[in-house]
Amino acid sequence: MMIADKIIILKEGEIYAQGKADSIMNSCILKEVYGLQAQVCRFAGFSKPVIVPLEMG
């Protein structure tokens, strides 16, 4: 099931990044925008990236 063809990431009410999730979603963006330390992984059988938090706070 696909929910969206493209995503928009907002930071402080402004567009920070936009495009296909697999091309813009990365650990640097997650850290800078959301303060989330995570790894963006790609697994066989999944068409979209999977976000794995590295620390829980």
PDB file of N, CA and C in Angstrom:
ATOM      1  N   MET A   1       0.845  -1.170   0.000  1.00  0.00           N
ATOM      2  CA  MET A   1       0.000   0.000   0.000  1.00  0.00           C
ATOM      3  C   MET A   1       0.894   1.239   0.000  1.00  0.00           C
ATOM      4  N   MET A   2       0.608   2.139  -0.882  1.00  0.00           N
ATOM      5  CA  MET A   2       1.354   3.378  -0.944  1.00  0.00           C
ATOM      6  C   MET A   2       0.466   4.520  -0.454  1.00  0.00           C
ATOM      7  N   ILE A   3       1.018   5.340   0.432  1.00  0.00           N
ATOM      8  CA  ILE A   3       0.233   6.427   0.995  1.00  0.00           C
ATOM      9  C   ILE A   3       0.448   7.720   0.229  1.00  0.00           C
ATOM     10  N   ALA A   4       1.696   8.002  -0.180  1.00  0.00           N
ATOM     11  CA  ALA A   4       1.988   9.248  -0.888  1.00  0.00           C
ATOM     12  C   ALA A   4       3.132   9.042  -1.873  1.00  0.00           C
ATOM     13  N   ASP A   5       3.071   9.725  -3.002  1.00  0.00           N
ATOM     14  CA  ASP A   5       4.155   9.669  -3.978  1.00  0.00           C
ATOM     15  C   ASP A   5       5.330  10.532  -3.537  1.00  0.00           C
ATOM     16  N   LYS A   6       5.034  11.635  -2.872  1.00  0.00           N
ATOM     17  CA  LYS A   6       6.063  12.567  -2.420  1.00  0.00           C
ATOM     18  C   LYS A   6       5.735  13.025  -0.997  1.00  0.00           C
ATOM     19  N   ILE A   7       6.769  13.492  -0.282  1.00  0.00           N
ATOM     20  CA  ILE A   7       6.555  14.021   1.059  1.00  0.00           C
ATOM     21  C   ILE A   7       7.160  15.421   1.164  1.00  0.00           C
ATOM     22  N   ILE A   8       6.694  16.159   2.149  1.00  0.00           N
ATOM     23  CA  ILE A   8       7.233  17.479   2.460  1.00  0.00           C
ATOM     24  C   ILE A   8       7.656  17.455   3.926  1.00  0.00           C
ATOM     25  N   ILE A   9       8.886  17.868   4.206  1.00  0.00           N
ATOM     26  CA  ILE A   9       9.384  17.966   5.568  1.00  0.00           C
ATOM     27  C   ILE A   9       9.418  19.441   5.937  1.00  0.00           C
ATOM     28  N   LEU A  10       8.735  19.783   7.039  1.00  0.00           N
ATOM     29  CA  LEU A  10       8.667  21.166   7.499  1.00  0.00           C
ATOM     30  C   LEU A  10       9.579  21.366   8.700  1.00  0.00           C
ATOM     31  N   LYS A  11      10.212  22.529   8.754  1.00  0.00           N
ATOM     32  CA  LYS A  11      10.999  22.932   9.914  1.00  0.00           C
ATOM     33  C   LYS A  11      10.619  24.361  10.246  1.00  0.00           C
ATOM     34  N   GLU A  12      10.064  24.541  11.443  1.00  0.00           N
ATOM     35  CA  GLU A  12       9.623  25.853  11.899  1.00  0.00           C
ATOM     36  C   GLU A  12       8.647  26.509  10.913  1.00  0.00           C
ATOM     37  N   GLY A  13       7.734  25.703  10.385  1.00  0.00           N
ATOM     38  CA  GLY A  13       6.690  26.201   9.497  1.00  0.00           C
ATOM     39  C   GLY A  13       7.108  26.436   8.061  1.00  0.00           C
ATOM     40  N   GLU A  14       8.342  26.160   7.729  1.00  0.00           N
ATOM     41  CA  GLU A  14       8.851  26.354   6.369  1.00  0.00           C
ATOM     42  C   GLU A  14       9.215  25.008   5.753  1.00  0.00           C
ATOM     43  N   ILE A  15       9.105  24.928   4.436  1.00  0.00           N
ATOM     44  CA  ILE A  15       9.502  23.705   3.739  1.00  0.00           C
ATOM     45  C   ILE A  15      11.018  23.562   3.826  1.00  0.00           C
ATOM     46  N   TYR A  16      11.448  22.452   4.402  1.00  0.00           N
ATOM     47  CA  TYR A  16      12.871  22.164   4.550  1.00  0.00           C
ATOM     48  C   TYR A  16      13.352  21.265   3.410  1.00  0.00           C
ATOM     49  N   ALA A  17      12.503  20.305   3.036  1.00  0.00           N
ATOM     50  CA  ALA A  17      12.820  19.378   1.944  1.00  0.00           C
ATOM     51  C   ALA A  17      11.524  18.836   1.379  1.00  0.00           C
ATOM     52  N   GLN A  18      11.557  18.482   0.112  1.00  0.00           N
ATOM     53  CA  GLN A  18      10.395  17.850  -0.504  1.00  0.00           C
ATOM     54  C   GLN A  18      10.854  16.949  -1.631  1.00  0.00           C
ATOM     55  N   GLY A  19      10.075  15.897  -1.861  1.00  0.00           N
ATOM     56  CA  GLY A  19      10.390  14.946  -2.923  1.00  0.00           C
ATOM     57  C   GLY A  19       9.988  13.547  -2.522  1.00  0.00           C
ATOM     58  N   LYS A  20      10.534  12.575  -3.218  1.00  0.00           N
ATOM     59  CA  LYS A  20      10.252  11.176  -2.905  1.00  0.00           C
ATOM     60  C   LYS A  20      10.948  10.812  -1.604  1.00  0.00           C
ATOM     61  N   ALA A  21      10.251  10.060  -0.762  1.00  0.00           N
ATOM     62  CA  ALA A  21      10.773   9.717   0.565  1.00  0.00           C
ATOM     63  C   ALA A  21      12.140   9.051   0.477  1.00  0.00           C
ATOM     64  N   ASP A  22      12.317   8.148  -0.457  1.00  0.00           N
ATOM     65  CA  ASP A  22      13.591   7.432  -0.526  1.00  0.00           C
ATOM     66  C   ASP A  22      14.745   8.305  -0.996  1.00  0.00           C
ATOM     67  N   SER A  23      14.456   9.466  -1.566  1.00  0.00           N
ATOM     68  CA  SER A  23      15.544  10.336  -2.008  1.00  0.00           C
ATOM     69  C   SER A  23      15.852  11.469  -1.021  1.00  0.00           C
ATOM     70  N   ILE A  24      14.898  11.861  -0.167  1.00  0.00           N
ATOM     71  CA  ILE A  24      15.169  12.968   0.765  1.00  0.00           C
ATOM     72  C   ILE A  24      15.244  12.552   2.223  1.00  0.00           C
ATOM     73  N   MET A  25      14.699  11.403   2.562  1.00  0.00           N
ATOM     74  CA  MET A  25      14.695  10.975   3.955  1.00  0.00           C
ATOM     75  C   MET A  25      16.055  10.383   4.305  1.00  0.00           C
ATOM     76  N   ASN A  26      16.792  11.058   5.192  1.00  0.00           N
ATOM     77  CA  ASN A  26      18.086  10.552   5.622  1.00  0.00           C
ATOM     78  C   ASN A  26      18.332  10.943   7.073  1.00  0.00           C
ATOM     79  N   SER A  27      19.361  10.369   7.671  1.00  0.00           N
ATOM     80  CA  SER A  27      19.629  10.586   9.096  1.00  0.00           C
ATOM     81  C   SER A  27      19.974  12.038   9.405  1.00  0.00           C
ATOM     82  N   CYS A  28      20.622  12.743   8.494  1.00  0.00           N
ATOM     83  CA  CYS A  28      20.971  14.156   8.732  1.00  0.00           C
ATOM     84  C   CYS A  28      19.715  15.025   8.831  1.00  0.00           C
ATOM     85  N   ILE A  29      18.769  14.821   7.947  1.00  0.00           N
ATOM     86  CA  ILE A  29      17.525  15.593   7.977  1.00  0.00           C
ATOM     87  C   ILE A  29      16.743  15.286   9.251  1.00  0.00           C
ATOM     88  N   LEU A  30      16.657  14.025   9.624  1.00  0.00           N
ATOM     89  CA  LEU A  30      15.927  13.658  10.846  1.00  0.00           C
ATOM     90  C   LEU A  30      16.544  14.309  12.073  1.00  0.00           C
ATOM     91  N   LYS A  31      17.868  14.368  12.144  1.00  0.00           N
ATOM     92  CA  LYS A  31      18.549  14.980  13.285  1.00  0.00           C
ATOM     93  C   LYS A  31      18.333  16.489  13.295  1.00  0.00           C
ATOM     94  N   GLU A  32      18.511  17.131  12.147  1.00  0.00           N
ATOM     95  CA  GLU A  32      18.406  18.586  12.093  1.00  0.00           C
ATOM     96  C   GLU A  32      16.983  19.091  12.300  1.00  0.00           C
ATOM     97  N   VAL A  33      16.012  18.430  11.719  1.00  0.00           N
ATOM     98  CA  VAL A  33      14.628  18.910  11.779  1.00  0.00           C
ATOM     99  C   VAL A  33      13.923  18.465  13.056  1.00  0.00           C
ATOM    100  N   TYR A  34      14.100  17.194  13.446  1.00  0.00           N
ATOM    101  CA  TYR A  34      13.332  16.639  14.563  1.00  0.00           C
ATOM    102  C   TYR A  34      14.169  16.333  15.799  1.00  0.00           C
ATOM    103  N   GLY A  35      15.494  16.495  15.715  1.00  0.00           N
ATOM    104  CA  GLY A  35      16.355  16.150  16.841  1.00  0.00           C
ATOM    105  C   GLY A  35      16.397  14.652  17.106  1.00  0.00           C
ATOM    106  N   LEU A  36      16.094  13.861  16.088  1.00  0.00           N
ATOM    107  CA  LEU A  36      16.009  12.407  16.218  1.00  0.00           C
ATOM    108  C   LEU A  36      17.282  11.761  15.685  1.00  0.00           C
ATOM    109  N   GLN A  37      17.970  11.032  16.552  1.00  0.00           N
ATOM    110  CA  GLN A  37      19.127  10.271  16.112  1.00  0.00           C
ATOM    111  C   GLN A  37      18.616   8.923  15.638  1.00  0.00           C
ATOM    112  N   ALA A  38      18.697   8.706  14.330  1.00  0.00           N
ATOM    113  CA  ALA A  38      18.135   7.485  13.744  1.00  0.00           C
ATOM    114  C   ALA A  38      18.908   7.110  12.495  1.00  0.00           C
ATOM    115  N   GLN A  39      18.711   5.889  12.094  1.00  0.00           N
ATOM    116  CA  GLN A  39      19.296   5.409  10.855  1.00  0.00           C
ATOM    117  C   GLN A  39      18.152   5.122   9.889  1.00  0.00           C
ATOM    118  N   VAL A  40      18.323   5.506   8.641  1.00  0.00           N
ATOM    119  CA  VAL A  40      17.326   5.218   7.617  1.00  0.00           C
ATOM    120  C   VAL A  40      17.824   3.996   6.854  1.00  0.00           C
ATOM    121  N   CYS A  41      17.077   2.906   6.947  1.00  0.00           N
ATOM    122  CA  CYS A  41      17.492   1.626   6.367  1.00  0.00           C
ATOM    123  C   CYS A  41      16.583   1.239   5.210  1.00  0.00           C
ATOM    124  N   ARG A  42      17.133   0.451   4.348  1.00  0.00           N
ATOM    125  CA  ARG A  42      16.355  -0.122   3.256  1.00  0.00           C
ATOM    126  C   ARG A  42      16.499  -1.634   3.349  1.00  0.00           C
ATOM    127  N   PHE A  43      15.364  -2.325   3.368  1.00  0.00           N
ATOM    128  CA  PHE A  43      15.344  -3.763   3.515  1.00  0.00           C
ATOM    129  C   PHE A  43      14.691  -4.402   2.305  1.00  0.00           C
ATOM    130  N   ALA A  44      15.167  -5.579   1.957  1.00  0.00           N
ATOM    131  CA  ALA A  44      14.550  -6.345   0.879  1.00  0.00           C
ATOM    132  C   ALA A  44      13.093  -6.592   1.242  1.00  0.00           C
ATOM    133  N   GLY A  45      12.213  -6.394   0.302  1.00  0.00           N
ATOM    134  CA  GLY A  45      10.793  -6.607   0.545  1.00  0.00           C
ATOM    135  C   GLY A  45      10.041  -5.354   0.939  1.00  0.00           C
ATOM    136  N   PHE A  46      10.760  -4.281   1.268  1.00  0.00           N
ATOM    137  CA  PHE A  46      10.143  -2.999   1.605  1.00  0.00           C
ATOM    138  C   PHE A  46      10.471  -2.015   0.495  1.00  0.00           C
ATOM    139  N   SER A  47       9.456  -1.371  -0.043  1.00  0.00           N
ATOM    140  CA  SER A  47       9.691  -0.422  -1.128  1.00  0.00           C
ATOM    141  C   SER A  47      10.086   0.959  -0.619  1.00  0.00           C
ATOM    142  N   LYS A  48       9.860   1.221   0.646  1.00  0.00           N
ATOM    143  CA  LYS A  48      10.158   2.530   1.231  1.00  0.00           C
ATOM    144  C   LYS A  48      11.181   2.385   2.351  1.00  0.00           C
ATOM    145  N   PRO A  49      11.883   3.472   2.674  1.00  0.00           N
ATOM    146  CA  PRO A  49      12.851   3.404   3.758  1.00  0.00           C
ATOM    147  C   PRO A  49      12.182   3.167   5.113  1.00  0.00           C
ATOM    148  N   VAL A  50      12.922   2.526   6.009  1.00  0.00           N
ATOM    149  CA  VAL A  50      12.457   2.248   7.366  1.00  0.00           C
ATOM    150  C   VAL A  50      13.335   3.062   8.315  1.00  0.00           C
ATOM    151  N   ILE A  51      12.720   3.824   9.215  1.00  0.00           N
ATOM    152  CA  ILE A  51      13.450   4.666  10.154  1.00  0.00           C
ATOM    153  C   ILE A  51      13.630   3.885  11.463  1.00  0.00           C
ATOM    154  N   VAL A  52      14.901   3.705  11.857  1.00  0.00           N
ATOM    155  CA  VAL A  52      15.224   2.968  13.075  1.00  0.00           C
ATOM    156  C   VAL A  52      15.863   3.939  14.073  1.00  0.00           C
ATOM    157  N   PRO A  53      15.156   4.283  15.169  1.00  0.00           N
ATOM    158  CA  PRO A  53      15.744   5.171  16.183  1.00  0.00           C
ATOM    159  C   PRO A  53      16.974   4.534  16.821  1.00  0.00           C
ATOM    160  N   LEU A  54      18.012   5.336  17.039  1.00  0.00           N
ATOM    161  CA  LEU A  54      19.232   4.820  17.646  1.00  0.00           C
ATOM    162  C   LEU A  54      19.255   5.031  19.145  1.00  0.00           C
ATOM    163  N   GLU A  55      18.465   5.985  19.631  1.00  0.00           N
ATOM    164  CA  GLU A  55      18.363   6.188  21.073  1.00  0.00           C
ATOM    165  C   GLU A  55      16.969   6.655  21.412  1.00  0.00           C
ATOM    166  N   MET A  56      16.502   6.247  22.545  1.00  0.00           N
ATOM    167  CA  MET A  56      15.184   6.644  22.992  1.00  0.00           C
ATOM    168  C   MET A  56      15.372   7.669  24.108  1.00  0.00           C
ATOM    169  N   GLY A  57      14.628   8.777  24.025  1.00  0.00           N
ATOM    170  CA  GLY A  57      14.863   9.788  25.030  1.00  0.00           C
ATOM    171  C   GLY A  57      13.638  10.222  25.661  1.00  0.00           C
TER     172      GLY A  57
END
